Amino acid sequence: MIMKSRLLRYSRRLAKGLVLACCASLMVASKTPDMLERVKTSGKLVVLSQNGPTTYYEDASGHHTGFEYGMLKAFADELGVELKIRDAHDLNEMFTRLRDPQEGAHLAAAGLTVTPARREQVRFTLLLRDSPTGHLPPR
């Protein structure tokens, strides 16, 4: 009888230990999905932009085109997801919406100039093109 109760206690401890070990391994193995995983899971790349000749616009036949649109479309195609572009009226709105999780935007693309103040608000990729800012000098 004593042997049976010891065996029963041992079995319960072993079972509890296995359950705890399984739970711990699940917690270690689970992680918050990164941005790329969220894009692939949702099936769409959501981008905030401003309509313009260097970002994206509708051509004469009604198709989206433009420098940044072409890059975004190629990226979305490479990922196997749909590209969704949402307009922002100005840069302040764009940065606010980009930080808002309810908006669901993954990135912004609007010919943005990197400034120290903007670096405090959002993360930037490597420069895609480098051009001087300001006025053109007279000839």
N, C-alpha and C. Protein backbone atom coordinates (compact mmCIF):
# COMPACT_ATOMS: atom_id res chain seq x y z
N MET A 1 0.81 -1.18 0.00
CA MET A 1 0.00 0.00 0.00
C MET A 1 0.87 1.27 0.00
N ILE A 2 1.92 1.27 0.84
CA ILE A 2 2.82 2.42 0.89
C ILE A 2 3.54 2.58 -0.46
N MET A 3 3.94 1.47 -1.03
CA MET A 3 4.63 1.49 -2.32
C MET A 3 3.71 2.06 -3.41
N LYS A 4 2.41 1.69 -3.36
CA LYS A 4 1.46 2.15 -4.34
C LYS A 4 1.26 3.66 -4.24
N SER A 5 1.16 4.20 -3.01
CA SER A 5 0.96 5.63 -2.83
C SER A 5 2.20 6.42 -3.27
N ARG A 6 3.40 5.86 -3.00
CA ARG A 6 4.63 6.53 -3.45
C ARG A 6 4.69 6.56 -4.98
N LEU A 7 4.32 5.46 -5.58
CA LEU A 7 4.31 5.38 -7.04
C LEU A 7 3.31 6.37 -7.63
N LEU A 8 2.16 6.50 -6.99
CA LEU A 8 1.13 7.44 -7.45
C LEU A 8 1.63 8.88 -7.34
N ARG A 9 2.27 9.24 -6.20
CA ARG A 9 2.81 10.58 -6.02
C ARG A 9 3.90 10.86 -7.05
N TYR A 10 4.76 9.87 -7.25
CA TYR A 10 5.84 10.02 -8.23
C TYR A 10 5.26 10.25 -9.63
N SER A 11 4.22 9.49 -9.98
CA SER A 11 3.59 9.62 -11.29
C SER A 11 2.98 11.01 -11.47
N ARG A 12 2.34 11.51 -10.41
CA ARG A 12 1.74 12.85 -10.49
C ARG A 12 2.80 13.92 -10.64
N ARG A 13 3.88 13.81 -9.89
CA ARG A 13 4.98 14.78 -9.99
C ARG A 13 5.60 14.74 -11.39
N LEU A 14 5.77 13.55 -11.90
CA LEU A 14 6.34 13.40 -13.24
C LEU A 14 5.42 14.04 -14.28
N ALA A 15 4.11 13.79 -14.14
CA ALA A 15 3.14 14.37 -15.08
C ALA A 15 3.16 15.89 -15.00
N LYS A 16 3.18 16.44 -13.78
CA LYS A 16 3.23 17.90 -13.62
C LYS A 16 4.51 18.46 -14.22
N GLY A 17 5.61 17.78 -14.00
CA GLY A 17 6.88 18.22 -14.56
C GLY A 17 6.87 18.23 -16.08
N LEU A 18 6.28 17.21 -16.67
CA LEU A 18 6.19 17.15 -18.12
C LEU A 18 5.31 18.26 -18.67
N VAL A 19 4.19 18.52 -18.00
CA VAL A 19 3.29 19.60 -18.43
C VAL A 19 4.02 20.94 -18.36
N LEU A 20 4.72 21.18 -17.25
CA LEU A 20 5.47 22.43 -17.11
C LEU A 20 6.56 22.55 -18.18
N ALA A 21 7.25 21.47 -18.44
CA ALA A 21 8.30 21.48 -19.45
C ALA A 21 7.73 21.78 -20.84
N CYS A 22 6.58 21.18 -21.13
CA CYS A 22 5.93 21.43 -22.43
C CYS A 22 5.50 22.89 -22.54
N CYS A 23 4.90 23.42 -21.48
CA CYS A 23 4.47 24.82 -21.49
C CYS A 23 5.66 25.76 -21.66
N ALA A 24 6.74 25.48 -20.96
CA ALA A 24 7.94 26.31 -21.06
C ALA A 24 8.51 26.27 -22.47
N SER A 25 8.54 25.10 -23.07
CA SER A 25 9.09 25.00 -24.42
C SER A 25 8.20 25.72 -25.43
N LEU A 26 6.89 25.71 -25.22
CA LEU A 26 5.99 26.44 -26.11
C LEU A 26 6.20 27.94 -25.98
N MET A 27 6.41 28.41 -24.74
CA MET A 27 6.63 29.84 -24.53
C MET A 27 7.94 30.27 -25.15
N VAL A 28 8.95 29.47 -25.10
CA VAL A 28 10.23 29.81 -25.69
C VAL A 28 10.13 29.76 -27.21
N ALA A 29 9.40 28.77 -27.73
CA ALA A 29 9.29 28.61 -29.17
C ALA A 29 8.38 29.65 -29.80
N SER A 30 7.39 30.16 -29.04
CA SER A 30 6.49 31.15 -29.62
C SER A 30 7.13 32.51 -29.56
N LYS A 31 6.92 33.28 -30.62
CA LYS A 31 7.46 34.63 -30.66
C LYS A 31 6.48 35.50 -31.42
N THR A 32 6.61 36.78 -31.22
CA THR A 32 5.77 37.72 -31.95
C THR A 32 6.21 37.71 -33.40
N PRO A 33 5.27 37.57 -34.34
CA PRO A 33 5.66 37.55 -35.75
C PRO A 33 6.26 38.89 -36.15
N ASP A 34 7.31 38.85 -36.96
CA ASP A 34 7.91 40.10 -37.43
C ASP A 34 7.07 40.66 -38.58
N MET A 35 7.45 41.83 -39.05
CA MET A 35 6.66 42.52 -40.08
C MET A 35 6.50 41.67 -41.34
N LEU A 36 7.57 41.04 -41.78
CA LEU A 36 7.50 40.22 -42.99
C LEU A 36 6.52 39.06 -42.81
N GLU A 37 6.55 38.41 -41.66
CA GLU A 37 5.61 37.32 -41.39
C GLU A 37 4.17 37.82 -41.38
N ARG A 38 3.95 39.02 -40.83
CA ARG A 38 2.59 39.58 -40.81
C ARG A 38 2.10 39.92 -42.21
N VAL A 39 3.00 40.43 -43.06
CA VAL A 39 2.63 40.73 -44.44
C VAL A 39 2.23 39.46 -45.17
N LYS A 40 3.06 38.43 -45.05
CA LYS A 40 2.77 37.17 -45.74
C LYS A 40 1.49 36.52 -45.22
N THR A 41 1.27 36.58 -43.92
CA THR A 41 0.06 35.99 -43.34
C THR A 41 -1.20 36.72 -43.81
N SER A 42 -1.12 38.05 -43.88
CA SER A 42 -2.29 38.83 -44.29
C SER A 42 -2.56 38.73 -45.78
N GLY A 43 -1.52 38.43 -46.56
CA GLY A 43 -1.69 38.32 -48.01
C GLY A 43 -1.65 39.65 -48.73
N LYS A 44 -1.31 40.73 -47.99
CA LYS A 44 -1.21 42.03 -48.65
C LYS A 44 -0.16 42.91 -47.99
N LEU A 45 0.47 43.73 -48.80
CA LEU A 45 1.43 44.72 -48.36
C LEU A 45 0.72 46.06 -48.39
N VAL A 46 0.51 46.66 -47.23
CA VAL A 46 -0.22 47.93 -47.13
C VAL A 46 0.79 49.06 -46.98
N VAL A 47 0.73 50.00 -47.92
CA VAL A 47 1.71 51.09 -47.99
C VAL A 47 0.99 52.44 -47.98
N LEU A 48 1.47 53.34 -47.15
CA LEU A 48 0.99 54.72 -47.16
C LEU A 48 1.85 55.51 -48.14
N SER A 49 1.20 56.34 -48.96
CA SER A 49 1.95 57.12 -49.94
C SER A 49 1.17 58.38 -50.27
N GLN A 50 1.76 59.18 -51.14
CA GLN A 50 1.11 60.37 -51.66
C GLN A 50 1.15 60.28 -53.17
N ASN A 51 0.03 60.58 -53.77
CA ASN A 51 -0.08 60.54 -55.22
C ASN A 51 0.83 61.62 -55.82
N GLY A 52 1.72 61.22 -56.72
CA GLY A 52 2.61 62.18 -57.36
C GLY A 52 3.48 61.50 -58.39
N PRO A 53 4.17 62.29 -59.23
CA PRO A 53 4.94 61.71 -60.33
C PRO A 53 6.13 60.85 -59.90
N THR A 54 6.68 61.07 -58.72
CA THR A 54 7.81 60.26 -58.29
C THR A 54 7.42 59.10 -57.38
N THR A 55 6.16 59.07 -56.95
CA THR A 55 5.71 57.99 -56.07
C THR A 55 4.81 57.04 -56.83
N TYR A 56 3.57 57.43 -57.00
CA TYR A 56 2.64 56.63 -57.82
C TYR A 56 1.54 57.54 -58.35
N TYR A 57 1.00 57.17 -59.46
CA TYR A 57 -0.10 57.91 -60.08
C TYR A 57 -0.79 56.99 -61.07
N GLU A 58 -1.96 57.40 -61.54
CA GLU A 58 -2.66 56.64 -62.58
C GLU A 58 -2.22 57.16 -63.93
N ASP A 59 -1.86 56.23 -64.82
CA ASP A 59 -1.49 56.65 -66.17
C ASP A 59 -2.75 56.85 -67.01
N ALA A 60 -2.58 57.16 -68.29
CA ALA A 60 -3.72 57.46 -69.17
C ALA A 60 -4.69 56.30 -69.29
N SER A 61 -4.21 55.07 -69.11
CA SER A 61 -5.10 53.91 -69.22
C SER A 61 -5.68 53.50 -67.87
N GLY A 62 -5.42 54.28 -66.82
CA GLY A 62 -6.01 54.00 -65.51
C GLY A 62 -5.24 53.03 -64.64
N HIS A 63 -4.01 52.69 -65.05
CA HIS A 63 -3.17 51.79 -64.27
C HIS A 63 -2.23 52.58 -63.37
N HIS A 64 -1.95 52.03 -62.19
CA HIS A 64 -0.98 52.69 -61.31
C HIS A 64 0.41 52.52 -61.89
N THR A 65 1.20 53.56 -61.74
CA THR A 65 2.59 53.54 -62.20
C THR A 65 3.38 54.55 -61.37
N GLY A 66 4.66 54.66 -61.61
CA GLY A 66 5.52 55.58 -60.87
C GLY A 66 6.72 54.82 -60.31
N PHE A 67 7.78 55.57 -59.98
CA PHE A 67 9.03 54.98 -59.54
C PHE A 67 8.84 54.09 -58.30
N GLU A 68 8.30 54.66 -57.25
CA GLU A 68 8.14 53.89 -56.01
C GLU A 68 7.06 52.82 -56.15
N TYR A 69 6.03 53.10 -56.94
CA TYR A 69 5.00 52.09 -57.16
C TYR A 69 5.62 50.85 -57.82
N GLY A 70 6.47 51.06 -58.81
CA GLY A 70 7.11 49.94 -59.50
C GLY A 70 7.93 49.07 -58.55
N MET A 71 8.68 49.73 -57.66
CA MET A 71 9.48 48.96 -56.69
C MET A 71 8.58 48.22 -55.70
N LEU A 72 7.54 48.89 -55.22
CA LEU A 72 6.62 48.27 -54.26
C LEU A 72 5.88 47.10 -54.89
N LYS A 73 5.46 47.26 -56.14
CA LYS A 73 4.74 46.20 -56.84
C LYS A 73 5.65 44.98 -57.04
N ALA A 74 6.90 45.23 -57.41
CA ALA A 74 7.85 44.12 -57.59
C ALA A 74 8.10 43.41 -56.25
N PHE A 75 8.19 44.18 -55.17
CA PHE A 75 8.40 43.60 -53.84
C PHE A 75 7.19 42.75 -53.44
N ALA A 76 5.99 43.29 -53.63
CA ALA A 76 4.77 42.55 -53.30
C ALA A 76 4.68 41.27 -54.13
N ASP A 77 4.99 41.36 -55.41
CA ASP A 77 4.96 40.18 -56.28
C ASP A 77 5.97 39.14 -55.81
N GLU A 78 7.16 39.58 -55.41
CA GLU A 78 8.19 38.66 -54.91
C GLU A 78 7.72 37.93 -53.66
N LEU A 79 6.98 38.65 -52.81
CA LEU A 79 6.44 38.04 -51.59
C LEU A 79 5.20 37.19 -51.85
N GLY A 80 4.60 37.37 -53.03
CA GLY A 80 3.38 36.64 -53.36
C GLY A 80 2.16 37.23 -52.67
N VAL A 81 2.17 38.56 -52.46
CA VAL A 81 1.04 39.23 -51.80
C VAL A 81 0.51 40.35 -52.68
N GLU A 82 -0.66 40.84 -52.33
CA GLU A 82 -1.30 41.94 -53.04
C GLU A 82 -0.77 43.27 -52.50
N LEU A 83 -0.57 44.25 -53.38
CA LEU A 83 -0.15 45.58 -52.96
C LEU A 83 -1.37 46.47 -52.78
N LYS A 84 -1.47 47.08 -51.60
CA LYS A 84 -2.55 48.04 -51.29
C LYS A 84 -1.90 49.37 -50.96
N ILE A 85 -2.23 50.41 -51.72
CA ILE A 85 -1.69 51.74 -51.44
C ILE A 85 -2.81 52.59 -50.86
N ARG A 86 -2.51 53.24 -49.75
CA ARG A 86 -3.46 54.15 -49.11
C ARG A 86 -2.88 55.56 -49.15
N ASP A 87 -3.68 56.50 -49.60
CA ASP A 87 -3.22 57.90 -49.71
C ASP A 87 -3.17 58.58 -48.35
N ALA A 88 -2.16 59.41 -48.19
CA ALA A 88 -2.05 60.32 -47.05
C ALA A 88 -2.00 61.73 -47.63
N HIS A 89 -2.68 62.66 -46.98
CA HIS A 89 -2.75 64.02 -47.51
C HIS A 89 -1.46 64.79 -47.32
N ASP A 90 -0.76 64.52 -46.23
CA ASP A 90 0.52 65.20 -45.98
C ASP A 90 1.41 64.28 -45.16
N LEU A 91 2.67 64.70 -44.97
CA LEU A 91 3.64 63.85 -44.29
C LEU A 91 3.30 63.65 -42.81
N ASN A 92 2.78 64.68 -42.15
CA ASN A 92 2.39 64.51 -40.75
C ASN A 92 1.34 63.43 -40.59
N GLU A 93 0.33 63.45 -41.48
CA GLU A 93 -0.70 62.42 -41.46
C GLU A 93 -0.09 61.05 -41.74
N MET A 94 0.85 61.00 -42.68
CA MET A 94 1.47 59.73 -43.05
C MET A 94 2.21 59.12 -41.86
N PHE A 95 3.01 59.94 -41.17
CA PHE A 95 3.76 59.43 -40.02
C PHE A 95 2.83 59.02 -38.88
N THR A 96 1.77 59.78 -38.66
CA THR A 96 0.81 59.44 -37.61
C THR A 96 0.12 58.12 -37.93
N ARG A 97 -0.33 57.96 -39.16
CA ARG A 97 -1.01 56.72 -39.55
C ARG A 97 -0.06 55.53 -39.55
N LEU A 98 1.20 55.76 -39.90
CA LEU A 98 2.17 54.67 -39.93
C LEU A 98 2.39 54.10 -38.53
N ARG A 99 2.35 54.95 -37.52
CA ARG A 99 2.55 54.49 -36.13
C ARG A 99 1.28 53.94 -35.50
N ASP A 100 0.13 54.11 -36.15
CA ASP A 100 -1.15 53.67 -35.61
C ASP A 100 -1.40 52.21 -35.98
N PRO A 101 -1.42 51.29 -34.99
CA PRO A 101 -1.63 49.87 -35.32
C PRO A 101 -2.99 49.59 -35.95
N GLN A 102 -3.98 50.44 -35.67
CA GLN A 102 -5.32 50.25 -36.26
C GLN A 102 -5.30 50.50 -37.77
N GLU A 103 -4.36 51.31 -38.23
CA GLU A 103 -4.25 51.63 -39.66
C GLU A 103 -3.83 50.40 -40.45
N GLY A 104 -2.96 49.59 -39.87
CA GLY A 104 -2.54 48.37 -40.54
C GLY A 104 -1.52 48.57 -41.63
N ALA A 105 -0.90 49.74 -41.70
CA ALA A 105 0.10 50.00 -42.73
C ALA A 105 1.43 49.36 -42.34
N HIS A 106 2.08 48.79 -43.33
CA HIS A 106 3.37 48.14 -43.09
C HIS A 106 4.54 49.10 -43.32
N LEU A 107 4.37 50.04 -44.24
CA LEU A 107 5.44 50.99 -44.52
C LEU A 107 4.88 52.20 -45.24
N ALA A 108 5.72 53.22 -45.39
CA ALA A 108 5.36 54.42 -46.14
C ALA A 108 6.39 54.62 -47.24
N ALA A 109 5.93 55.09 -48.38
CA ALA A 109 6.81 55.36 -49.51
C ALA A 109 6.31 56.62 -50.20
N ALA A 110 7.07 57.69 -50.06
CA ALA A 110 6.62 58.95 -50.65
C ALA A 110 7.79 59.88 -50.95
N GLY A 111 8.89 59.35 -51.41
CA GLY A 111 10.04 60.18 -51.71
C GLY A 111 10.52 60.94 -50.48
N LEU A 112 10.53 60.27 -49.35
CA LEU A 112 10.83 60.92 -48.08
C LEU A 112 12.30 61.27 -47.94
N THR A 113 12.55 62.46 -47.45
CA THR A 113 13.90 62.88 -47.11
C THR A 113 14.16 62.49 -45.66
N VAL A 114 15.31 61.90 -45.41
CA VAL A 114 15.66 61.48 -44.05
C VAL A 114 16.19 62.70 -43.30
N THR A 115 15.54 62.99 -42.18
CA THR A 115 16.00 64.08 -41.31
C THR A 115 16.12 63.54 -39.89
N PRO A 116 16.89 64.20 -39.04
CA PRO A 116 16.99 63.75 -37.65
C PRO A 116 15.62 63.71 -36.95
N ALA A 117 14.78 64.69 -37.21
CA ALA A 117 13.46 64.72 -36.58
C ALA A 117 12.61 63.53 -37.04
N ARG A 118 12.69 63.21 -38.31
CA ARG A 118 11.91 62.08 -38.83
C ARG A 118 12.47 60.75 -38.33
N ARG A 119 13.77 60.68 -38.15
CA ARG A 119 14.38 59.45 -37.61
C ARG A 119 13.87 59.15 -36.20
N GLU A 120 13.47 60.18 -35.48
CA GLU A 120 12.92 59.97 -34.14
C GLU A 120 11.50 59.39 -34.19
N GLN A 121 10.82 59.58 -35.32
CA GLN A 121 9.44 59.11 -35.46
C GLN A 121 9.33 57.72 -36.06
N VAL A 122 10.17 57.44 -37.08
CA VAL A 122 10.06 56.17 -37.83
C VAL A 122 11.45 55.66 -38.17
N ARG A 123 11.51 54.38 -38.57
CA ARG A 123 12.76 53.79 -39.05
C ARG A 123 12.81 53.92 -40.56
N PHE A 124 13.97 54.17 -41.09
CA PHE A 124 14.16 54.30 -42.53
C PHE A 124 14.98 53.13 -43.06
N THR A 125 14.77 52.81 -44.34
CA THR A 125 15.60 51.81 -45.01
C THR A 125 16.87 52.51 -45.49
N LEU A 126 17.70 51.77 -46.19
CA LEU A 126 18.83 52.39 -46.87
C LEU A 126 18.28 53.32 -47.94
N LEU A 127 19.03 54.35 -48.28
CA LEU A 127 18.58 55.28 -49.31
C LEU A 127 18.43 54.57 -50.65
N LEU A 128 17.33 54.84 -51.32
CA LEU A 128 17.10 54.27 -52.64
C LEU A 128 17.72 55.14 -53.73
N ARG A 129 17.72 56.42 -53.47
CA ARG A 129 18.35 57.37 -54.39
C ARG A 129 18.79 58.57 -53.56
N ASP A 130 19.84 59.20 -53.99
CA ASP A 130 20.37 60.34 -53.25
C ASP A 130 20.35 61.54 -54.17
N SER A 131 19.70 62.61 -53.72
CA SER A 131 19.67 63.83 -54.51
C SER A 131 19.75 65.02 -53.58
N PRO A 132 20.35 66.08 -54.05
CA PRO A 132 20.44 67.26 -53.20
C PRO A 132 19.07 67.87 -52.97
N THR A 133 18.88 68.47 -51.81
CA THR A 133 17.62 69.13 -51.53
C THR A 133 17.82 70.64 -51.64
N GLY A 134 16.76 71.34 -51.81
CA GLY A 134 16.86 72.79 -51.89
C GLY A 134 16.64 73.28 -53.31
N HIS A 135 17.08 74.49 -53.56
CA HIS A 135 16.85 75.13 -54.86
C HIS A 135 17.98 74.83 -55.83
N LEU A 136 17.63 74.81 -57.10
CA LEU A 136 18.65 74.65 -58.14
C LEU A 136 19.35 75.99 -58.33
N PRO A 137 20.67 75.96 -58.51
CA PRO A 137 21.37 77.23 -58.72
C PRO A 137 21.07 77.79 -60.11
N PRO A 138 21.10 79.11 -60.23
CA PRO A 138 20.85 79.69 -61.59
C PRO A 138 22.00 79.33 -62.54
N ARG A 139 21.72 79.31 -63.81
CA ARG A 139 22.74 78.99 -64.82
C ARG A 139 23.68 80.12 -65.04
